[in-house]
Amino acid sequence: MKKEGSNFAFIDNQNIYQGVRELGWYLDWRKFRRYLLEKYEVEKAYLFLGYLPENDKLYN
């Protein structure tokens, strides 16, 4: 059977953080990643963080 394509997840950390915090939950990132793979066949997931001045070297 021929594979049709790949699924990728682009995750905005700020939205995840706020939603989880408002619900009073804790997010297990490893389980979340496994969920994305099993439920949606996500092969690669990218987590986007906002700019953090203390990590300035990462942006250059």
PDB file of N, CA and C in Angstrom:
ATOM      1  N   MET A   1       0.839  -1.173   0.000  1.00  0.00           N
ATOM      2  CA  MET A   1       0.000   0.000   0.000  1.00  0.00           C
ATOM      3  C   MET A   1       0.890   1.246   0.000  1.00  0.00           C
ATOM      4  N   LYS A   2       0.566   2.186  -0.830  1.00  0.00           N
ATOM      5  CA  LYS A   2       1.342   3.413  -0.949  1.00  0.00           C
ATOM      6  C   LYS A   2       0.919   4.411   0.131  1.00  0.00           C
ATOM      7  N   LYS A   3       1.919   5.002   0.758  1.00  0.00           N
ATOM      8  CA  LYS A   3       1.677   6.030   1.759  1.00  0.00           C
ATOM      9  C   LYS A   3       1.331   7.332   1.055  1.00  0.00           C
ATOM     10  N   GLU A   4       0.249   7.975   1.492  1.00  0.00           N
ATOM     11  CA  GLU A   4      -0.223   9.190   0.817  1.00  0.00           C
ATOM     12  C   GLU A   4       0.525  10.446   1.225  1.00  0.00           C
ATOM     13  N   GLY A   5       0.933  10.534   2.457  1.00  0.00           N
ATOM     14  CA  GLY A   5       1.611  11.743   2.899  1.00  0.00           C
ATOM     15  C   GLY A   5       1.977  11.647   4.359  1.00  0.00           C
ATOM     16  N   SER A   6       2.523  12.712   4.862  1.00  0.00           N
ATOM     17  CA  SER A   6       2.945  12.761   6.256  1.00  0.00           C
ATOM     18  C   SER A   6       2.127  13.799   7.000  1.00  0.00           C
ATOM     19  N   ASN A   7       1.885  13.530   8.264  1.00  0.00           N
ATOM     20  CA  ASN A   7       1.207  14.493   9.121  1.00  0.00           C
ATOM     21  C   ASN A   7       2.237  15.146  10.032  1.00  0.00           C
ATOM     22  N   PHE A   8       2.147  16.455  10.132  1.00  0.00           N
ATOM     23  CA  PHE A   8       3.014  17.223  11.005  1.00  0.00           C
ATOM     24  C   PHE A   8       2.137  18.068  11.918  1.00  0.00           C
ATOM     25  N   ALA A   9       2.573  18.262  13.150  1.00  0.00           N
ATOM     26  CA  ALA A   9       1.859  19.116  14.097  1.00  0.00           C
ATOM     27  C   ALA A   9       2.729  20.331  14.395  1.00  0.00           C
ATOM     28  N   PHE A  10       2.123  21.499  14.308  1.00  0.00           N
ATOM     29  CA  PHE A  10       2.785  22.752  14.650  1.00  0.00           C
ATOM     30  C   PHE A  10       2.036  23.312  15.851  1.00  0.00           C
ATOM     31  N   ILE A  11       2.670  23.282  17.003  1.00  0.00           N
ATOM     32  CA  ILE A  11       1.996  23.549  18.268  1.00  0.00           C
ATOM     33  C   ILE A  11       2.463  24.874  18.843  1.00  0.00           C
ATOM     34  N   ASP A  12       1.503  25.732  19.154  1.00  0.00           N
ATOM     35  CA  ASP A  12       1.784  27.017  19.789  1.00  0.00           C
ATOM     36  C   ASP A  12       1.795  26.801  21.296  1.00  0.00           C
ATOM     37  N   ASN A  13       2.957  26.861  21.890  1.00  0.00           N
ATOM     38  CA  ASN A  13       3.096  26.580  23.315  1.00  0.00           C
ATOM     39  C   ASN A  13       2.251  27.507  24.181  1.00  0.00           C
ATOM     40  N   GLN A  14       2.112  28.759  23.799  1.00  0.00           N
ATOM     41  CA  GLN A  14       1.347  29.710  24.607  1.00  0.00           C
ATOM     42  C   GLN A  14      -0.110  29.265  24.742  1.00  0.00           C
ATOM     43  N   ASN A  15      -0.714  28.808  23.660  1.00  0.00           N
ATOM     44  CA  ASN A  15      -2.101  28.341  23.724  1.00  0.00           C
ATOM     45  C   ASN A  15      -2.230  27.082  24.573  1.00  0.00           C
ATOM     46  N   ILE A  16      -1.308  26.151  24.404  1.00  0.00           N
ATOM     47  CA  ILE A  16      -1.324  24.932  25.219  1.00  0.00           C
ATOM     48  C   ILE A  16      -1.162  25.296  26.694  1.00  0.00           C
ATOM     49  N   TYR A  17      -0.180  26.134  26.980  1.00  0.00           N
ATOM     50  CA  TYR A  17       0.103  26.516  28.363  1.00  0.00           C
ATOM     51  C   TYR A  17      -1.112  27.170  29.021  1.00  0.00           C
ATOM     52  N   GLN A  18      -1.711  28.146  28.340  1.00  0.00           N
ATOM     53  CA  GLN A  18      -2.856  28.854  28.917  1.00  0.00           C
ATOM     54  C   GLN A  18      -4.053  27.926  29.114  1.00  0.00           C
ATOM     55  N   GLY A  19      -4.331  27.094  28.119  1.00  0.00           N
ATOM     56  CA  GLY A  19      -5.468  26.178  28.222  1.00  0.00           C
ATOM     57  C   GLY A  19      -5.306  25.178  29.346  1.00  0.00           C
ATOM     58  N   VAL A  20      -4.136  24.604  29.453  1.00  0.00           N
ATOM     59  CA  VAL A  20      -3.868  23.625  30.509  1.00  0.00           C
ATOM     60  C   VAL A  20      -3.928  24.302  31.875  1.00  0.00           C
ATOM     61  N   ARG A  21      -3.345  25.475  31.969  1.00  0.00           N
ATOM     62  CA  ARG A  21      -3.335  26.206  33.241  1.00  0.00           C
ATOM     63  C   ARG A  21      -4.746  26.573  33.692  1.00  0.00           C
ATOM     64  N   GLU A  22      -5.570  27.061  32.761  1.00  0.00           N
ATOM     65  CA  GLU A  22      -6.942  27.438  33.109  1.00  0.00           C
ATOM     66  C   GLU A  22      -7.755  26.249  33.606  1.00  0.00           C
ATOM     67  N   LEU A  23      -7.454  25.069  33.097  1.00  0.00           N
ATOM     68  CA  LEU A  23      -8.168  23.862  33.514  1.00  0.00           C
ATOM     69  C   LEU A  23      -7.573  23.237  34.774  1.00  0.00           C
ATOM     70  N   GLY A  24      -6.430  23.762  35.212  1.00  0.00           N
ATOM     71  CA  GLY A  24      -5.772  23.222  36.390  1.00  0.00           C
ATOM     72  C   GLY A  24      -5.129  21.870  36.133  1.00  0.00           C
ATOM     73  N   TRP A  25      -4.787  21.600  34.889  1.00  0.00           N
ATOM     74  CA  TRP A  25      -4.205  20.319  34.502  1.00  0.00           C
ATOM     75  C   TRP A  25      -2.688  20.402  34.467  1.00  0.00           C
ATOM     76  N   TYR A  26      -2.092  19.228  34.353  1.00  0.00           N
ATOM     77  CA  TYR A  26      -0.666  19.078  34.082  1.00  0.00           C
ATOM     78  C   TYR A  26      -0.565  18.326  32.763  1.00  0.00           C
ATOM     79  N   LEU A  27       0.249  18.796  31.850  1.00  0.00           N
ATOM     80  CA  LEU A  27       0.404  18.132  30.559  1.00  0.00           C
ATOM     81  C   LEU A  27       1.675  17.295  30.560  1.00  0.00           C
ATOM     82  N   ASP A  28       1.514  16.013  30.341  1.00  0.00           N
ATOM     83  CA  ASP A  28       2.651  15.114  30.169  1.00  0.00           C
ATOM     84  C   ASP A  28       2.993  15.141  28.683  1.00  0.00           C
ATOM     85  N   TRP A  29       4.073  15.822  28.334  1.00  0.00           N
ATOM     86  CA  TRP A  29       4.425  16.033  26.929  1.00  0.00           C
ATOM     87  C   TRP A  29       4.688  14.730  26.196  1.00  0.00           C
ATOM     88  N   ARG A  30       5.271  13.768  26.877  1.00  0.00           N
ATOM     89  CA  ARG A  30       5.553  12.478  26.243  1.00  0.00           C
ATOM     90  C   ARG A  30       4.248  11.768  25.875  1.00  0.00           C
ATOM     91  N   LYS A  31       3.271  11.790  26.782  1.00  0.00           N
ATOM     92  CA  LYS A  31       1.971  11.169  26.499  1.00  0.00           C
ATOM     93  C   LYS A  31       1.226  11.938  25.411  1.00  0.00           C
ATOM     94  N   PHE A  32       1.350  13.259  25.443  1.00  0.00           N
ATOM     95  CA  PHE A  32       0.704  14.083  24.421  1.00  0.00           C
ATOM     96  C   PHE A  32       1.264  13.757  23.038  1.00  0.00           C
ATOM     97  N   ARG A  33       2.579  13.592  22.978  1.00  0.00           N
ATOM     98  CA  ARG A  33       3.218  13.252  21.700  1.00  0.00           C
ATOM     99  C   ARG A  33       2.765  11.882  21.205  1.00  0.00           C
ATOM    100  N   ARG A  34       2.670  10.928  22.110  1.00  0.00           N
ATOM    101  CA  ARG A  34       2.203   9.588  21.760  1.00  0.00           C
ATOM    102  C   ARG A  34       0.753   9.643  21.267  1.00  0.00           C
ATOM    103  N   TYR A  35      -0.065  10.466  21.928  1.00  0.00           N
ATOM    104  CA  TYR A  35      -1.454  10.651  21.513  1.00  0.00           C
ATOM    105  C   TYR A  35      -1.521  11.178  20.079  1.00  0.00           C
ATOM    106  N   LEU A  36      -0.713  12.170  19.771  1.00  0.00           N
ATOM    107  CA  LEU A  36      -0.700  12.717  18.415  1.00  0.00           C
ATOM    108  C   LEU A  36      -0.312  11.653  17.391  1.00  0.00           C
ATOM    109  N   LEU A  37       0.630  10.819  17.736  1.00  0.00           N
ATOM    110  CA  LEU A  37       1.062   9.751  16.837  1.00  0.00           C
ATOM    111  C   LEU A  37      -0.038   8.706  16.647  1.00  0.00           C
ATOM    112  N   GLU A  38      -0.614   8.242  17.743  1.00  0.00           N
ATOM    113  CA  GLU A  38      -1.608   7.168  17.663  1.00  0.00           C
ATOM    114  C   GLU A  38      -2.938   7.638  17.086  1.00  0.00           C
ATOM    115  N   LYS A  39      -3.389   8.808  17.468  1.00  0.00           N
ATOM    116  CA  LYS A  39      -4.703   9.300  17.032  1.00  0.00           C
ATOM    117  C   LYS A  39      -4.658   9.907  15.628  1.00  0.00           C
ATOM    118  N   TYR A  40      -3.605  10.676  15.334  1.00  0.00           N
ATOM    119  CA  TYR A  40      -3.546  11.428  14.080  1.00  0.00           C
ATOM    120  C   TYR A  40      -2.376  11.038  13.180  1.00  0.00           C
ATOM    121  N   GLU A  41      -1.597  10.049  13.601  1.00  0.00           N
ATOM    122  CA  GLU A  41      -0.433   9.597  12.838  1.00  0.00           C
ATOM    123  C   GLU A  41       0.554  10.732  12.551  1.00  0.00           C
ATOM    124  N   VAL A  42       0.731  11.608  13.534  1.00  0.00           N
ATOM    125  CA  VAL A  42       1.666  12.731  13.407  1.00  0.00           C
ATOM    126  C   VAL A  42       3.084  12.189  13.496  1.00  0.00           C
ATOM    127  N   GLU A  43       3.831  12.360  12.421  1.00  0.00           N
ATOM    128  CA  GLU A  43       5.204  11.868  12.372  1.00  0.00           C
ATOM    129  C   GLU A  43       6.181  12.824  13.038  1.00  0.00           C
ATOM    130  N   LYS A  44       5.957  14.113  12.860  1.00  0.00           N
ATOM    131  CA  LYS A  44       6.825  15.125  13.463  1.00  0.00           C
ATOM    132  C   LYS A  44       5.954  16.185  14.108  1.00  0.00           C
ATOM    133  N   ALA A  45       6.377  16.623  15.283  1.00  0.00           N
ATOM    134  CA  ALA A  45       5.664  17.676  15.997  1.00  0.00           C
ATOM    135  C   ALA A  45       6.663  18.776  16.338  1.00  0.00           C
ATOM    136  N   TYR A  46       6.269  19.993  16.054  1.00  0.00           N
ATOM    137  CA  TYR A  46       7.116  21.156  16.323  1.00  0.00           C
ATOM    138  C   TYR A  46       6.417  22.030  17.356  1.00  0.00           C
ATOM    139  N   LEU A  47       7.124  22.372  18.411  1.00  0.00           N
ATOM    140  CA  LEU A  47       6.592  23.213  19.473  1.00  0.00           C
ATOM    141  C   LEU A  47       7.208  24.599  19.328  1.00  0.00           C
ATOM    142  N   PHE A  48       6.355  25.587  19.181  1.00  0.00           N
ATOM    143  CA  PHE A  48       6.825  26.961  19.013  1.00  0.00           C
ATOM    144  C   PHE A  48       6.701  27.712  20.327  1.00  0.00           C
ATOM    145  N   LEU A  49       7.826  28.233  20.770  1.00  0.00           N
ATOM    146  CA  LEU A  49       7.889  29.019  21.995  1.00  0.00           C
ATOM    147  C   LEU A  49       7.998  30.485  21.626  1.00  0.00           C
ATOM    148  N   GLY A  50       7.570  31.330  22.509  1.00  0.00           N
ATOM    149  CA  GLY A  50       7.741  32.753  22.293  1.00  0.00           C
ATOM    150  C   GLY A  50       9.185  33.153  22.537  1.00  0.00           C
ATOM    151  N   TYR A  51       9.482  34.379  22.266  1.00  0.00           N
ATOM    152  CA  TYR A  51      10.827  34.903  22.484  1.00  0.00           C
ATOM    153  C   TYR A  51      11.102  34.992  23.978  1.00  0.00           C
ATOM    154  N   LEU A  52      12.218  34.427  24.390  1.00  0.00           N
ATOM    155  CA  LEU A  52      12.655  34.499  25.779  1.00  0.00           C
ATOM    156  C   LEU A  52      14.018  35.184  25.807  1.00  0.00           C
ATOM    157  N   PRO A  53      14.094  36.391  26.363  1.00  0.00           N
ATOM    158  CA  PRO A  53      15.356  37.132  26.351  1.00  0.00           C
ATOM    159  C   PRO A  53      16.529  36.341  26.932  1.00  0.00           C
ATOM    160  N   GLU A  54      16.270  35.526  27.951  1.00  0.00           N
ATOM    161  CA  GLU A  54      17.372  34.765  28.558  1.00  0.00           C
ATOM    162  C   GLU A  54      17.921  33.676  27.631  1.00  0.00           C
ATOM    163  N   ASN A  55      17.199  33.365  26.560  1.00  0.00           N
ATOM    164  CA  ASN A  55      17.661  32.383  25.569  1.00  0.00           C
ATOM    165  C   ASN A  55      18.039  33.056  24.256  1.00  0.00           C
ATOM    166  N   ASP A  56      18.479  34.279  24.330  1.00  0.00           N
ATOM    167  CA  ASP A  56      18.765  35.069  23.135  1.00  0.00           C
ATOM    168  C   ASP A  56      19.731  34.368  22.173  1.00  0.00           C
ATOM    169  N   LYS A  57      20.668  33.609  22.692  1.00  0.00           N
ATOM    170  CA  LYS A  57      21.652  32.932  21.838  1.00  0.00           C
ATOM    171  C   LYS A  57      20.993  31.913  20.905  1.00  0.00           C
ATOM    172  N   LEU A  58      19.840  31.392  21.283  1.00  0.00           N
ATOM    173  CA  LEU A  58      19.143  30.419  20.434  1.00  0.00           C
ATOM    174  C   LEU A  58      18.579  31.055  19.165  1.00  0.00           C
ATOM    175  N   TYR A  59      18.356  32.362  19.181  1.00  0.00           N
ATOM    176  CA  TYR A  59      17.701  33.042  18.071  1.00  0.00           C
ATOM    177  C   TYR A  59      18.678  33.594  17.044  1.00  0.00           C
ATOM    178  N   ASN A  60      19.942  33.582  17.341  1.00  0.00           N
ATOM    179  CA  ASN A  60      20.942  34.153  16.433  1.00  0.00           C
ATOM    180  C   ASN A  60      21.682  33.088  15.681  1.00  0.00           C
TER     181      ASN A  60
END
